[in-house]
Amino acid sequence: MREWLGACGVQLHSLVDALKQEMLNHSVLHADETPVTTLKPGNKKPHRA
């Protein structure tokens, strides 16, 4: 499985580079920073992440 994931990473490297360049070509980057509720491991209490 490790080899398969490594091969996928190699194949997707050019796509990642193209997306990065496209993002850097713009002066404004919009992101969604909406908090989500998650469970802390071992605590079983929800918190905002």
PDB file of N, CA and C in Angstrom:
ATOM      1  N   MET A   1       0.830  -1.185   0.000  1.00  0.00           N
ATOM      2  CA  MET A   1       0.000   0.000   0.000  1.00  0.00           C
ATOM      3  C   MET A   1       0.883   1.260   0.000  1.00  0.00           C
ATOM      4  N   ARG A   2       2.011   1.192   0.719  1.00  0.00           N
ATOM      5  CA  ARG A   2       2.931   2.327   0.762  1.00  0.00           C
ATOM      6  C   ARG A   2       3.434   2.681  -0.636  1.00  0.00           C
ATOM      7  N   GLU A   3       3.760   1.672  -1.410  1.00  0.00           N
ATOM      8  CA  GLU A   3       4.248   1.920  -2.768  1.00  0.00           C
ATOM      9  C   GLU A   3       3.150   2.537  -3.631  1.00  0.00           C
ATOM     10  N   TRP A   4       1.922   2.069  -3.447  1.00  0.00           N
ATOM     11  CA  TRP A   4       0.795   2.591  -4.202  1.00  0.00           C
ATOM     12  C   TRP A   4       0.571   4.066  -3.883  1.00  0.00           C
ATOM     13  N   LEU A   5       0.607   4.418  -2.594  1.00  0.00           N
ATOM     14  CA  LEU A   5       0.433   5.821  -2.204  1.00  0.00           C
ATOM     15  C   LEU A   5       1.582   6.689  -2.715  1.00  0.00           C
ATOM     16  N   GLY A   6       2.790   6.149  -2.668  1.00  0.00           N
ATOM     17  CA  GLY A   6       3.935   6.888  -3.194  1.00  0.00           C
ATOM     18  C   GLY A   6       3.801   7.145  -4.691  1.00  0.00           C
ATOM     19  N   ALA A   7       3.341   6.141  -5.420  1.00  0.00           N
ATOM     20  CA  ALA A   7       3.150   6.291  -6.866  1.00  0.00           C
ATOM     21  C   ALA A   7       2.074   7.339  -7.158  1.00  0.00           C
ATOM     22  N   CYS A   8       0.997   7.337  -6.374  1.00  0.00           N
ATOM     23  CA  CYS A   8      -0.057   8.347  -6.555  1.00  0.00           C
ATOM     24  C   CYS A   8       0.502   9.746  -6.300  1.00  0.00           C
ATOM     25  N   GLY A   9       1.313   9.867  -5.258  1.00  0.00           N
ATOM     26  CA  GLY A   9       1.908  11.164  -4.947  1.00  0.00           C
ATOM     27  C   GLY A   9       2.771  11.682  -6.082  1.00  0.00           C
ATOM     28  N   VAL A  10       3.541  10.812  -6.672  1.00  0.00           N
ATOM     29  CA  VAL A  10       4.395  11.200  -7.804  1.00  0.00           C
ATOM     30  C   VAL A  10       3.536  11.646  -8.983  1.00  0.00           C
ATOM     31  N   GLN A  11       2.476  10.891  -9.264  1.00  0.00           N
ATOM     32  CA  GLN A  11       1.603  11.213 -10.387  1.00  0.00           C
ATOM     33  C   GLN A  11       0.855  12.532 -10.178  1.00  0.00           C
ATOM     34  N   LEU A  12       0.507  12.854  -8.940  1.00  0.00           N
ATOM     35  CA  LEU A  12      -0.273  14.060  -8.654  1.00  0.00           C
ATOM     36  C   LEU A  12       0.594  15.301  -8.431  1.00  0.00           C
ATOM     37  N   HIS A  13       1.895  15.146  -8.387  1.00  0.00           N
ATOM     38  CA  HIS A  13       2.794  16.262  -8.101  1.00  0.00           C
ATOM     39  C   HIS A  13       2.624  17.414  -9.105  1.00  0.00           C
ATOM     40  N   SER A  14       2.494  17.113 -10.372  1.00  0.00           N
ATOM     41  CA  SER A  14       2.350  18.176 -11.372  1.00  0.00           C
ATOM     42  C   SER A  14       1.013  18.903 -11.202  1.00  0.00           C
ATOM     43  N   LEU A  15      -0.036  18.187 -10.803  1.00  0.00           N
ATOM     44  CA  LEU A  15      -1.324  18.829 -10.542  1.00  0.00           C
ATOM     45  C   LEU A  15      -1.231  19.767  -9.346  1.00  0.00           C
ATOM     46  N   VAL A  16      -0.571  19.344  -8.298  1.00  0.00           N
ATOM     47  CA  VAL A  16      -0.387  20.184  -7.113  1.00  0.00           C
ATOM     48  C   VAL A  16       0.393  21.445  -7.481  1.00  0.00           C
ATOM     49  N   ASP A  17       1.431  21.294  -8.259  1.00  0.00           N
ATOM     50  CA  ASP A  17       2.222  22.457  -8.693  1.00  0.00           C
ATOM     51  C   ASP A  17       1.381  23.431  -9.510  1.00  0.00           C
ATOM     52  N   ALA A  18       0.538  22.905 -10.408  1.00  0.00           N
ATOM     53  CA  ALA A  18      -0.313  23.766 -11.237  1.00  0.00           C
ATOM     54  C   ALA A  18      -1.337  24.504 -10.386  1.00  0.00           C
ATOM     55  N   LEU A  19      -1.949  23.815  -9.426  1.00  0.00           N
ATOM     56  CA  LEU A  19      -2.926  24.465  -8.545  1.00  0.00           C
ATOM     57  C   LEU A  19      -2.259  25.531  -7.680  1.00  0.00           C
ATOM     58  N   LYS A  20      -1.075  25.237  -7.181  1.00  0.00           N
ATOM     59  CA  LYS A  20      -0.337  26.213  -6.370  1.00  0.00           C
ATOM     60  C   LYS A  20      -0.026  27.462  -7.187  1.00  0.00           C
ATOM     61  N   GLN A  21       0.436  27.278  -8.407  1.00  0.00           N
ATOM     62  CA  GLN A  21       0.760  28.418  -9.261  1.00  0.00           C
ATOM     63  C   GLN A  21      -0.488  29.235  -9.570  1.00  0.00           C
ATOM     64  N   GLU A  22      -1.605  28.565  -9.826  1.00  0.00           N
ATOM     65  CA  GLU A  22      -2.862  29.260 -10.102  1.00  0.00           C
ATOM     66  C   GLU A  22      -3.288  30.096  -8.899  1.00  0.00           C
ATOM     67  N   MET A  23      -3.154  29.553  -7.709  1.00  0.00           N
ATOM     68  CA  MET A  23      -3.522  30.299  -6.500  1.00  0.00           C
ATOM     69  C   MET A  23      -2.611  31.505  -6.302  1.00  0.00           C
ATOM     70  N   LEU A  24      -1.326  31.336  -6.568  1.00  0.00           N
ATOM     71  CA  LEU A  24      -0.367  32.430  -6.361  1.00  0.00           C
ATOM     72  C   LEU A  24      -0.506  33.532  -7.404  1.00  0.00           C
ATOM     73  N   ASN A  25      -1.188  33.258  -8.516  1.00  0.00           N
ATOM     74  CA  ASN A  25      -1.387  34.267  -9.550  1.00  0.00           C
ATOM     75  C   ASN A  25      -2.459  35.288  -9.176  1.00  0.00           C
ATOM     76  N   HIS A  26      -3.241  35.019  -8.148  1.00  0.00           N
ATOM     77  CA  HIS A  26      -4.325  35.909  -7.744  1.00  0.00           C
ATOM     78  C   HIS A  26      -3.903  36.745  -6.535  1.00  0.00           C
ATOM     79  N   SER A  27      -4.432  37.958  -6.455  1.00  0.00           N
ATOM     80  CA  SER A  27      -4.067  38.844  -5.345  1.00  0.00           C
ATOM     81  C   SER A  27      -4.890  38.575  -4.093  1.00  0.00           C
ATOM     82  N   VAL A  28      -6.029  37.891  -4.228  1.00  0.00           N
ATOM     83  CA  VAL A  28      -6.892  37.609  -3.080  1.00  0.00           C
ATOM     84  C   VAL A  28      -7.206  36.114  -3.053  1.00  0.00           C
ATOM     85  N   LEU A  29      -7.127  35.531  -1.868  1.00  0.00           N
ATOM     86  CA  LEU A  29      -7.468  34.129  -1.689  1.00  0.00           C
ATOM     87  C   LEU A  29      -8.591  34.052  -0.661  1.00  0.00           C
ATOM     88  N   HIS A  30      -9.696  33.453  -1.031  1.00  0.00           N
ATOM     89  CA  HIS A  30     -10.835  33.310  -0.126  1.00  0.00           C
ATOM     90  C   HIS A  30     -10.785  31.918   0.511  1.00  0.00           C
ATOM     91  N   ALA A  31     -11.079  31.865   1.806  1.00  0.00           N
ATOM     92  CA  ALA A  31     -11.096  30.585   2.509  1.00  0.00           C
ATOM     93  C   ALA A  31     -12.305  30.530   3.431  1.00  0.00           C
ATOM     94  N   ASP A  32     -12.816  29.358   3.641  1.00  0.00           N
ATOM     95  CA  ASP A  32     -13.937  29.152   4.550  1.00  0.00           C
ATOM     96  C   ASP A  32     -13.377  28.718   5.897  1.00  0.00           C
ATOM     97  N   GLU A  33     -13.512  29.573   6.898  1.00  0.00           N
ATOM     98  CA  GLU A  33     -12.989  29.270   8.225  1.00  0.00           C
ATOM     99  C   GLU A  33     -14.124  28.980   9.209  1.00  0.00           C
ATOM    100  N   THR A  34     -15.198  28.385   8.705  1.00  0.00           N
ATOM    101  CA  THR A  34     -16.323  28.030   9.555  1.00  0.00           C
ATOM    102  C   THR A  34     -15.889  26.954  10.544  1.00  0.00           C
ATOM    103  N   PRO A  35     -16.077  27.193  11.847  1.00  0.00           N
ATOM    104  CA  PRO A  35     -15.692  26.166  12.816  1.00  0.00           C
ATOM    105  C   PRO A  35     -16.610  24.948  12.743  1.00  0.00           C
ATOM    106  N   VAL A  36     -16.065  23.808  13.031  1.00  0.00           N
ATOM    107  CA  VAL A  36     -16.838  22.570  13.058  1.00  0.00           C
ATOM    108  C   VAL A  36     -16.689  21.931  14.433  1.00  0.00           C
ATOM    109  N   THR A  37     -17.675  21.160  14.818  1.00  0.00           N
ATOM    110  CA  THR A  37     -17.628  20.466  16.100  1.00  0.00           C
ATOM    111  C   THR A  37     -16.994  19.095  15.895  1.00  0.00           C
ATOM    112  N   THR A  38     -15.982  18.801  16.700  1.00  0.00           N
ATOM    113  CA  THR A  38     -15.311  17.505  16.638  1.00  0.00           C
ATOM    114  C   THR A  38     -15.245  16.919  18.043  1.00  0.00           C
ATOM    115  N   LEU A  39     -14.964  15.627  18.126  1.00  0.00           N
ATOM    116  CA  LEU A  39     -14.794  14.969  19.417  1.00  0.00           C
ATOM    117  C   LEU A  39     -13.308  14.857  19.729  1.00  0.00           C
ATOM    118  N   LYS A  40     -12.930  15.236  20.949  1.00  0.00           N
ATOM    119  CA  LYS A  40     -11.547  15.065  21.368  1.00  0.00           C
ATOM    120  C   LYS A  40     -11.308  13.577  21.653  1.00  0.00           C
ATOM    121  N   PRO A  41     -10.213  13.021  21.160  1.00  0.00           N
ATOM    122  CA  PRO A  41      -9.939  11.604  21.413  1.00  0.00           C
ATOM    123  C   PRO A  41      -9.823  11.324  22.916  1.00  0.00           C
ATOM    124  N   GLY A  42     -10.505  10.312  23.372  1.00  0.00           N
ATOM    125  CA  GLY A  42     -10.429   9.908  24.767  1.00  0.00           C
ATOM    126  C   GLY A  42     -11.279  10.733  25.698  1.00  0.00           C
ATOM    127  N   ASN A  43     -11.748  11.878  25.254  1.00  0.00           N
ATOM    128  CA  ASN A  43     -12.512  12.776  26.134  1.00  0.00           C
ATOM    129  C   ASN A  43     -14.017  12.625  25.927  1.00  0.00           C
ATOM    130  N   LYS A  44     -14.414  12.277  24.729  1.00  0.00           N
ATOM    131  CA  LYS A  44     -15.815  12.104  24.330  1.00  0.00           C
ATOM    132  C   LYS A  44     -16.636  13.376  24.499  1.00  0.00           C
ATOM    133  N   LYS A  45     -15.971  14.522  24.624  1.00  0.00           N
ATOM    134  CA  LYS A  45     -16.671  15.791  24.683  1.00  0.00           C
ATOM    135  C   LYS A  45     -16.412  16.554  23.387  1.00  0.00           C
ATOM    136  N   PRO A  46     -17.454  17.140  22.826  1.00  0.00           N
ATOM    137  CA  PRO A  46     -17.255  17.904  21.588  1.00  0.00           C
ATOM    138  C   PRO A  46     -16.560  19.242  21.863  1.00  0.00           C
ATOM    139  N   HIS A  47     -15.791  19.677  20.904  1.00  0.00           N
ATOM    140  CA  HIS A  47     -15.201  21.015  20.959  1.00  0.00           C
ATOM    141  C   HIS A  47     -15.156  21.591  19.551  1.00  0.00           C
ATOM    142  N   ARG A  48     -14.999  22.888  19.476  1.00  0.00           N
ATOM    143  CA  ARG A  48     -14.950  23.564  18.159  1.00  0.00           C
ATOM    144  C   ARG A  48     -13.538  23.556  17.637  1.00  0.00           C
ATOM    145  N   ALA A  49     -13.411  23.175  16.386  1.00  0.00           N
ATOM    146  CA  ALA A  49     -12.090  23.141  15.755  1.00  0.00           C
ATOM    147  C   ALA A  49     -12.084  24.065  14.566  1.00  0.00           C
TER     148      ALA A  49
END
